[in-house]
Amino acid sequence: MDPLLENELIQLFEHPERKLIRVVRSARRPERQEAIVETYREALGLLRPEHASWGVLIDVRSAPGVNDEPFERSVEVVRSELASRVARVVFLVSSAVGALQVNRVARESGTRASVTQDEDEALRWATGEA
């Protein structure tokens, strides 16, 4: 399946049969932190009205960790907008520390999102099968 969006930072796939959008974050560290926010905004621009009932799985297992408050705030603004435009948002992380960080940022911003290290669980949650 060809991605709807692909660059050095993310790949975005649409799975209509499961009503699922899957975003896979690469291991590449952006030259400018703003580049990842710009990429997420570009991905938001691809959302269509029918996606409102879909789930989004964001796989950040390969993403480099960033513990920078201004960066976290700017990314969370985009995540909040995403959460307001789809039915479910699930983050797939590689570690308990990653889960804690995603949960903390989501809690502080009031964004609804689920977080797991288990890919099968993430897929069930994102597709509403859980």
N, C-alpha and C. Protein backbone atom coordinates (compact mmCIF):
# COMPACT_ATOMS: atom_id res chain seq x y z
N MET A 1 0.85 -1.18 0.00
CA MET A 1 0.00 0.00 0.00
C MET A 1 0.89 1.25 0.00
N ASP A 2 0.60 2.14 -0.89
CA ASP A 2 1.36 3.38 -0.98
C ASP A 2 0.89 4.36 0.09
N PRO A 3 1.84 5.07 0.69
CA PRO A 3 1.44 6.08 1.68
C PRO A 3 0.77 7.29 1.03
N LEU A 4 -0.16 7.90 1.76
CA LEU A 4 -0.77 9.15 1.31
C LEU A 4 0.21 10.30 1.45
N LEU A 5 1.09 10.17 2.43
CA LEU A 5 2.11 11.19 2.68
C LEU A 5 3.36 10.47 3.11
N GLU A 6 4.47 10.87 2.54
CA GLU A 6 5.75 10.26 2.92
C GLU A 6 6.84 11.30 2.78
N ASN A 7 7.60 11.44 3.83
CA ASN A 7 8.81 12.26 3.80
C ASN A 7 9.82 11.65 4.76
N GLU A 8 10.88 12.35 5.05
CA GLU A 8 11.92 11.78 5.91
C GLU A 8 11.47 11.62 7.36
N LEU A 9 10.35 12.22 7.74
CA LEU A 9 9.89 12.18 9.14
C LEU A 9 8.72 11.24 9.39
N ILE A 10 7.79 11.13 8.44
CA ILE A 10 6.64 10.26 8.65
C ILE A 10 6.20 9.58 7.36
N GLN A 11 5.44 8.51 7.55
CA GLN A 11 4.66 7.90 6.49
C GLN A 11 3.23 7.87 7.03
N LEU A 12 2.27 8.19 6.17
CA LEU A 12 0.86 8.17 6.55
C LEU A 12 0.11 7.25 5.60
N PHE A 13 -0.55 6.25 6.18
CA PHE A 13 -1.29 5.26 5.41
C PHE A 13 -2.77 5.35 5.77
N GLU A 14 -3.61 5.11 4.77
CA GLU A 14 -5.05 5.07 4.99
C GLU A 14 -5.51 3.63 4.73
N HIS A 15 -6.29 3.08 5.69
CA HIS A 15 -6.82 1.73 5.58
C HIS A 15 -8.35 1.83 5.65
N PRO A 16 -9.00 2.12 4.51
CA PRO A 16 -10.46 2.33 4.51
C PRO A 16 -11.24 1.13 5.03
N GLU A 17 -10.76 -0.08 4.75
CA GLU A 17 -11.48 -1.27 5.18
C GLU A 17 -11.55 -1.39 6.70
N ARG A 18 -10.64 -0.77 7.41
CA ARG A 18 -10.63 -0.80 8.88
C ARG A 18 -10.99 0.55 9.48
N LYS A 19 -11.24 1.54 8.62
CA LYS A 19 -11.47 2.92 9.07
C LYS A 19 -10.34 3.36 10.00
N LEU A 20 -9.14 3.27 9.44
CA LEU A 20 -7.92 3.51 10.20
C LEU A 20 -6.94 4.34 9.38
N ILE A 21 -6.34 5.30 10.04
CA ILE A 21 -5.19 6.04 9.51
C ILE A 21 -4.02 5.66 10.39
N ARG A 22 -2.93 5.28 9.76
CA ARG A 22 -1.73 4.90 10.51
C ARG A 22 -0.61 5.86 10.14
N VAL A 23 -0.03 6.47 11.15
CA VAL A 23 1.09 7.38 10.97
C VAL A 23 2.31 6.71 11.59
N VAL A 24 3.36 6.57 10.82
CA VAL A 24 4.59 5.95 11.31
C VAL A 24 5.69 6.99 11.31
N ARG A 25 6.17 7.30 12.49
CA ARG A 25 7.24 8.29 12.67
C ARG A 25 8.58 7.61 12.45
N SER A 26 9.45 8.22 11.67
CA SER A 26 10.77 7.65 11.40
C SER A 26 11.73 7.93 12.56
N ALA A 27 12.89 7.31 12.49
CA ALA A 27 13.93 7.52 13.49
C ALA A 27 14.73 8.79 13.24
N ARG A 28 14.49 9.42 12.13
CA ARG A 28 15.24 10.63 11.77
C ARG A 28 14.90 11.80 12.69
N ARG A 29 15.94 12.46 13.15
CA ARG A 29 15.78 13.67 13.96
C ARG A 29 15.70 14.85 12.99
N PRO A 30 14.63 15.66 13.08
CA PRO A 30 14.51 16.78 12.14
C PRO A 30 15.62 17.80 12.35
N GLU A 31 16.02 18.44 11.26
CA GLU A 31 17.04 19.48 11.37
C GLU A 31 16.53 20.65 12.21
N ARG A 32 15.23 20.94 12.05
CA ARG A 32 14.56 21.96 12.86
C ARG A 32 13.39 21.28 13.56
N GLN A 33 13.21 21.53 14.84
CA GLN A 33 12.11 20.92 15.57
C GLN A 33 10.76 21.28 14.94
N GLU A 34 10.67 22.46 14.35
CA GLU A 34 9.41 22.90 13.74
C GLU A 34 9.02 22.02 12.56
N ALA A 35 9.99 21.32 11.97
CA ALA A 35 9.71 20.50 10.78
C ALA A 35 8.71 19.40 11.09
N ILE A 36 8.78 18.80 12.28
CA ILE A 36 7.83 17.74 12.60
C ILE A 36 6.42 18.32 12.78
N VAL A 37 6.32 19.50 13.38
CA VAL A 37 5.02 20.16 13.52
C VAL A 37 4.46 20.49 12.14
N GLU A 38 5.29 21.00 11.25
CA GLU A 38 4.85 21.30 9.88
C GLU A 38 4.39 20.04 9.17
N THR A 39 5.09 18.94 9.37
CA THR A 39 4.71 17.67 8.75
C THR A 39 3.38 17.18 9.29
N TYR A 40 3.17 17.28 10.61
CA TYR A 40 1.89 16.87 11.19
C TYR A 40 0.75 17.76 10.68
N ARG A 41 1.02 19.04 10.50
CA ARG A 41 -0.01 19.94 9.95
C ARG A 41 -0.34 19.55 8.50
N GLU A 42 0.66 19.18 7.75
CA GLU A 42 0.42 18.72 6.38
C GLU A 42 -0.46 17.46 6.40
N ALA A 43 -0.19 16.56 7.33
CA ALA A 43 -1.00 15.35 7.46
C ALA A 43 -2.44 15.69 7.84
N LEU A 44 -2.63 16.65 8.73
CA LEU A 44 -3.98 17.08 9.10
C LEU A 44 -4.75 17.59 7.89
N GLY A 45 -4.04 18.23 6.99
CA GLY A 45 -4.67 18.76 5.78
C GLY A 45 -5.23 17.67 4.86
N LEU A 46 -4.80 16.43 5.07
CA LEU A 46 -5.28 15.32 4.25
C LEU A 46 -6.57 14.70 4.80
N LEU A 47 -6.94 15.07 6.03
CA LEU A 47 -8.15 14.51 6.62
C LEU A 47 -9.38 14.98 5.87
N ARG A 48 -10.31 14.06 5.67
CA ARG A 48 -11.57 14.34 5.00
C ARG A 48 -12.72 14.15 5.99
N PRO A 49 -13.89 14.67 5.70
CA PRO A 49 -15.02 14.55 6.63
C PRO A 49 -15.31 13.12 7.07
N GLU A 50 -15.15 12.14 6.17
CA GLU A 50 -15.44 10.76 6.55
C GLU A 50 -14.48 10.21 7.60
N HIS A 51 -13.33 10.84 7.77
CA HIS A 51 -12.37 10.39 8.78
C HIS A 51 -12.85 10.67 10.20
N ALA A 52 -13.90 11.46 10.36
CA ALA A 52 -14.39 11.80 11.70
C ALA A 52 -14.78 10.55 12.50
N SER A 53 -15.15 9.47 11.84
CA SER A 53 -15.54 8.25 12.54
C SER A 53 -14.40 7.22 12.57
N TRP A 54 -13.25 7.59 12.09
CA TRP A 54 -12.11 6.68 12.02
C TRP A 54 -11.22 6.81 13.25
N GLY A 55 -10.28 5.87 13.37
CA GLY A 55 -9.25 5.94 14.38
C GLY A 55 -7.90 6.25 13.74
N VAL A 56 -7.02 6.80 14.53
CA VAL A 56 -5.66 7.10 14.08
C VAL A 56 -4.68 6.41 15.02
N LEU A 57 -3.80 5.62 14.45
CA LEU A 57 -2.73 4.99 15.21
C LEU A 57 -1.44 5.72 14.85
N ILE A 58 -0.79 6.29 15.85
CA ILE A 58 0.46 7.02 15.63
C ILE A 58 1.58 6.18 16.24
N ASP A 59 2.39 5.61 15.38
CA ASP A 59 3.48 4.72 15.79
C ASP A 59 4.75 5.56 15.94
N VAL A 60 5.12 5.81 17.18
CA VAL A 60 6.31 6.62 17.46
C VAL A 60 7.45 5.77 18.03
N ARG A 61 7.38 4.46 17.83
CA ARG A 61 8.40 3.58 18.41
C ARG A 61 9.81 3.91 17.92
N SER A 62 9.96 4.37 16.70
CA SER A 62 11.29 4.69 16.17
C SER A 62 11.69 6.14 16.37
N ALA A 63 10.75 6.96 16.79
CA ALA A 63 11.02 8.40 16.91
C ALA A 63 12.04 8.69 18.00
N PRO A 64 12.94 9.62 17.73
CA PRO A 64 13.89 10.02 18.78
C PRO A 64 13.13 10.77 19.88
N GLY A 65 13.50 10.51 21.10
CA GLY A 65 12.86 11.19 22.23
C GLY A 65 13.21 12.67 22.26
N VAL A 66 12.22 13.48 22.55
CA VAL A 66 12.43 14.93 22.69
C VAL A 66 11.74 15.34 23.97
N ASN A 67 12.49 15.84 24.91
CA ASN A 67 11.91 16.28 26.18
C ASN A 67 12.12 17.79 26.31
N ASP A 68 11.56 18.51 25.36
CA ASP A 68 11.71 19.95 25.29
C ASP A 68 10.31 20.56 25.40
N GLU A 69 10.06 21.31 26.45
CA GLU A 69 8.71 21.80 26.72
C GLU A 69 8.10 22.63 25.58
N PRO A 70 8.81 23.60 25.00
CA PRO A 70 8.20 24.34 23.88
C PRO A 70 7.85 23.43 22.71
N PHE A 71 8.71 22.47 22.41
CA PHE A 71 8.43 21.53 21.33
C PHE A 71 7.20 20.68 21.67
N GLU A 72 7.14 20.16 22.89
CA GLU A 72 6.00 19.35 23.31
C GLU A 72 4.69 20.14 23.20
N ARG A 73 4.72 21.40 23.59
CA ARG A 73 3.51 22.23 23.49
C ARG A 73 3.06 22.40 22.04
N SER A 74 4.03 22.66 21.15
CA SER A 74 3.65 22.88 19.75
C SER A 74 3.13 21.60 19.11
N VAL A 75 3.70 20.46 19.42
CA VAL A 75 3.21 19.19 18.89
C VAL A 75 1.85 18.88 19.48
N GLU A 76 1.65 19.18 20.74
CA GLU A 76 0.37 18.88 21.39
C GLU A 76 -0.77 19.69 20.80
N VAL A 77 -0.50 20.89 20.33
CA VAL A 77 -1.54 21.68 19.66
C VAL A 77 -2.05 20.93 18.43
N VAL A 78 -1.12 20.36 17.67
CA VAL A 78 -1.50 19.60 16.48
C VAL A 78 -2.23 18.32 16.89
N ARG A 79 -1.74 17.64 17.91
CA ARG A 79 -2.41 16.42 18.38
C ARG A 79 -3.81 16.72 18.88
N SER A 80 -3.99 17.83 19.54
CA SER A 80 -5.33 18.22 20.02
C SER A 80 -6.28 18.43 18.86
N GLU A 81 -5.79 19.10 17.82
CA GLU A 81 -6.62 19.30 16.64
C GLU A 81 -6.98 17.96 16.01
N LEU A 82 -6.00 17.05 15.93
CA LEU A 82 -6.26 15.72 15.39
C LEU A 82 -7.35 15.02 16.20
N ALA A 83 -7.21 15.04 17.53
CA ALA A 83 -8.17 14.36 18.40
C ALA A 83 -9.58 14.92 18.24
N SER A 84 -9.68 16.19 17.88
CA SER A 84 -11.01 16.79 17.69
C SER A 84 -11.64 16.43 16.34
N ARG A 85 -10.83 15.85 15.45
CA ARG A 85 -11.31 15.58 14.09
C ARG A 85 -11.50 14.10 13.77
N VAL A 86 -11.13 13.22 14.70
CA VAL A 86 -11.29 11.77 14.49
C VAL A 86 -11.90 11.15 15.74
N ALA A 87 -12.34 9.91 15.62
CA ALA A 87 -13.01 9.25 16.75
C ALA A 87 -12.05 8.77 17.83
N ARG A 88 -10.88 8.27 17.43
CA ARG A 88 -9.94 7.69 18.39
C ARG A 88 -8.51 8.00 17.97
N VAL A 89 -7.65 8.27 18.96
CA VAL A 89 -6.21 8.46 18.71
C VAL A 89 -5.47 7.52 19.65
N VAL A 90 -4.57 6.73 19.08
CA VAL A 90 -3.79 5.78 19.86
C VAL A 90 -2.32 5.96 19.51
N PHE A 91 -1.49 6.04 20.54
CA PHE A 91 -0.04 6.13 20.34
C PHE A 91 0.57 4.77 20.64
N LEU A 92 1.41 4.30 19.73
CA LEU A 92 2.16 3.08 19.90
C LEU A 92 3.60 3.48 20.22
N VAL A 93 4.05 3.13 21.42
CA VAL A 93 5.37 3.55 21.90
C VAL A 93 6.24 2.31 22.16
N SER A 94 7.53 2.54 22.29
CA SER A 94 8.46 1.42 22.46
C SER A 94 8.81 1.12 23.91
N SER A 95 8.46 2.01 24.83
CA SER A 95 8.89 1.80 26.21
C SER A 95 7.88 2.38 27.19
N ALA A 96 8.01 1.94 28.43
CA ALA A 96 7.17 2.49 29.50
C ALA A 96 7.46 3.98 29.69
N VAL A 97 8.70 4.38 29.52
CA VAL A 97 9.06 5.79 29.65
C VAL A 97 8.37 6.60 28.56
N GLY A 98 8.34 6.07 27.34
CA GLY A 98 7.63 6.75 26.26
C GLY A 98 6.15 6.88 26.55
N ALA A 99 5.55 5.83 27.12
CA ALA A 99 4.13 5.88 27.48
C ALA A 99 3.88 6.94 28.54
N LEU A 100 4.76 7.01 29.51
CA LEU A 100 4.62 8.03 30.56
C LEU A 100 4.68 9.43 29.97
N GLN A 101 5.61 9.64 29.05
CA GLN A 101 5.77 10.97 28.46
C GLN A 101 4.54 11.34 27.63
N VAL A 102 4.05 10.44 26.79
CA VAL A 102 2.87 10.74 25.97
C VAL A 102 1.66 10.98 26.87
N ASN A 103 1.50 10.15 27.89
CA ASN A 103 0.37 10.33 28.82
C ASN A 103 0.46 11.67 29.55
N ARG A 104 1.66 12.05 29.97
CA ARG A 104 1.83 13.31 30.68
C ARG A 104 1.47 14.51 29.80
N VAL A 105 1.98 14.52 28.60
CA VAL A 105 1.72 15.64 27.70
C VAL A 105 0.22 15.70 27.36
N ALA A 106 -0.39 14.55 27.10
CA ALA A 106 -1.82 14.53 26.79
C ALA A 106 -2.64 15.00 27.99
N ARG A 107 -2.29 14.54 29.17
CA ARG A 107 -3.02 14.93 30.39
C ARG A 107 -2.91 16.43 30.63
N GLU A 108 -1.70 16.97 30.49
CA GLU A 108 -1.48 18.40 30.74
C GLU A 108 -2.25 19.27 29.75
N SER A 109 -2.48 18.77 28.56
CA SER A 109 -3.18 19.56 27.55
C SER A 109 -4.67 19.22 27.48
N GLY A 110 -5.07 18.17 28.17
CA GLY A 110 -6.47 17.77 28.13
C GLY A 110 -6.86 17.02 26.87
N THR A 111 -5.89 16.52 26.15
CA THR A 111 -6.14 15.78 24.91
C THR A 111 -6.44 14.33 25.24
N ARG A 112 -7.48 13.79 24.58
CA ARG A 112 -7.79 12.38 24.79
C ARG A 112 -6.95 11.54 23.83
N ALA A 113 -6.30 10.53 24.39
CA ALA A 113 -5.50 9.61 23.58
C ALA A 113 -5.20 8.38 24.42
N SER A 114 -5.07 7.26 23.75
CA SER A 114 -4.65 6.02 24.41
C SER A 114 -3.20 5.78 24.06
N VAL A 115 -2.49 5.07 24.93
CA VAL A 115 -1.07 4.79 24.71
C VAL A 115 -0.82 3.33 25.07
N THR A 116 -0.07 2.65 24.23
CA THR A 116 0.28 1.27 24.50
C THR A 116 1.61 0.92 23.85
N GLN A 117 2.22 -0.17 24.33
CA GLN A 117 3.42 -0.72 23.73
C GLN A 117 3.09 -1.94 22.87
N ASP A 118 1.86 -2.35 22.86
CA ASP A 118 1.42 -3.56 22.18
C ASP A 118 0.74 -3.19 20.86
N GLU A 119 1.32 -3.61 19.73
CA GLU A 119 0.79 -3.22 18.42
C GLU A 119 -0.61 -3.77 18.17
N ASP A 120 -0.86 -5.02 18.56
CA ASP A 120 -2.19 -5.60 18.36
C ASP A 120 -3.24 -4.83 19.16
N GLU A 121 -2.89 -4.48 20.39
CA GLU A 121 -3.80 -3.70 21.22
C GLU A 121 -4.04 -2.32 20.61
N ALA A 122 -3.00 -1.70 20.11
CA ALA A 122 -3.12 -0.38 19.48
C ALA A 122 -4.08 -0.45 18.29
N LEU A 123 -3.95 -1.48 17.49
CA LEU A 123 -4.83 -1.64 16.33
C LEU A 123 -6.28 -1.85 16.77
N ARG A 124 -6.49 -2.67 17.79
CA ARG A 124 -7.86 -2.90 18.30
C ARG A 124 -8.46 -1.60 18.80
N TRP A 125 -7.69 -0.83 19.57
CA TRP A 125 -8.20 0.43 20.10
C TRP A 125 -8.50 1.42 18.97
N ALA A 126 -7.56 1.53 18.03
CA ALA A 126 -7.71 2.52 16.96
C ALA A 126 -8.90 2.19 16.04
N THR A 127 -9.18 0.91 15.88
CA THR A 127 -10.29 0.52 14.99
C THR A 127 -11.60 0.37 15.76
N GLY A 128 -11.56 0.58 17.07
CA GLY A 128 -12.78 0.49 17.87
C GLY A 128 -13.17 -0.93 18.18
N GLU A 129 -12.27 -1.88 18.01
CA GLU A 129 -12.54 -3.29 18.28
C GLU A 129 -12.29 -3.68 19.73
N ALA A 130 -11.73 -2.78 20.50
CA ALA A 130 -11.42 -3.10 21.91
C ALA A 130 -12.55 -2.68 22.82
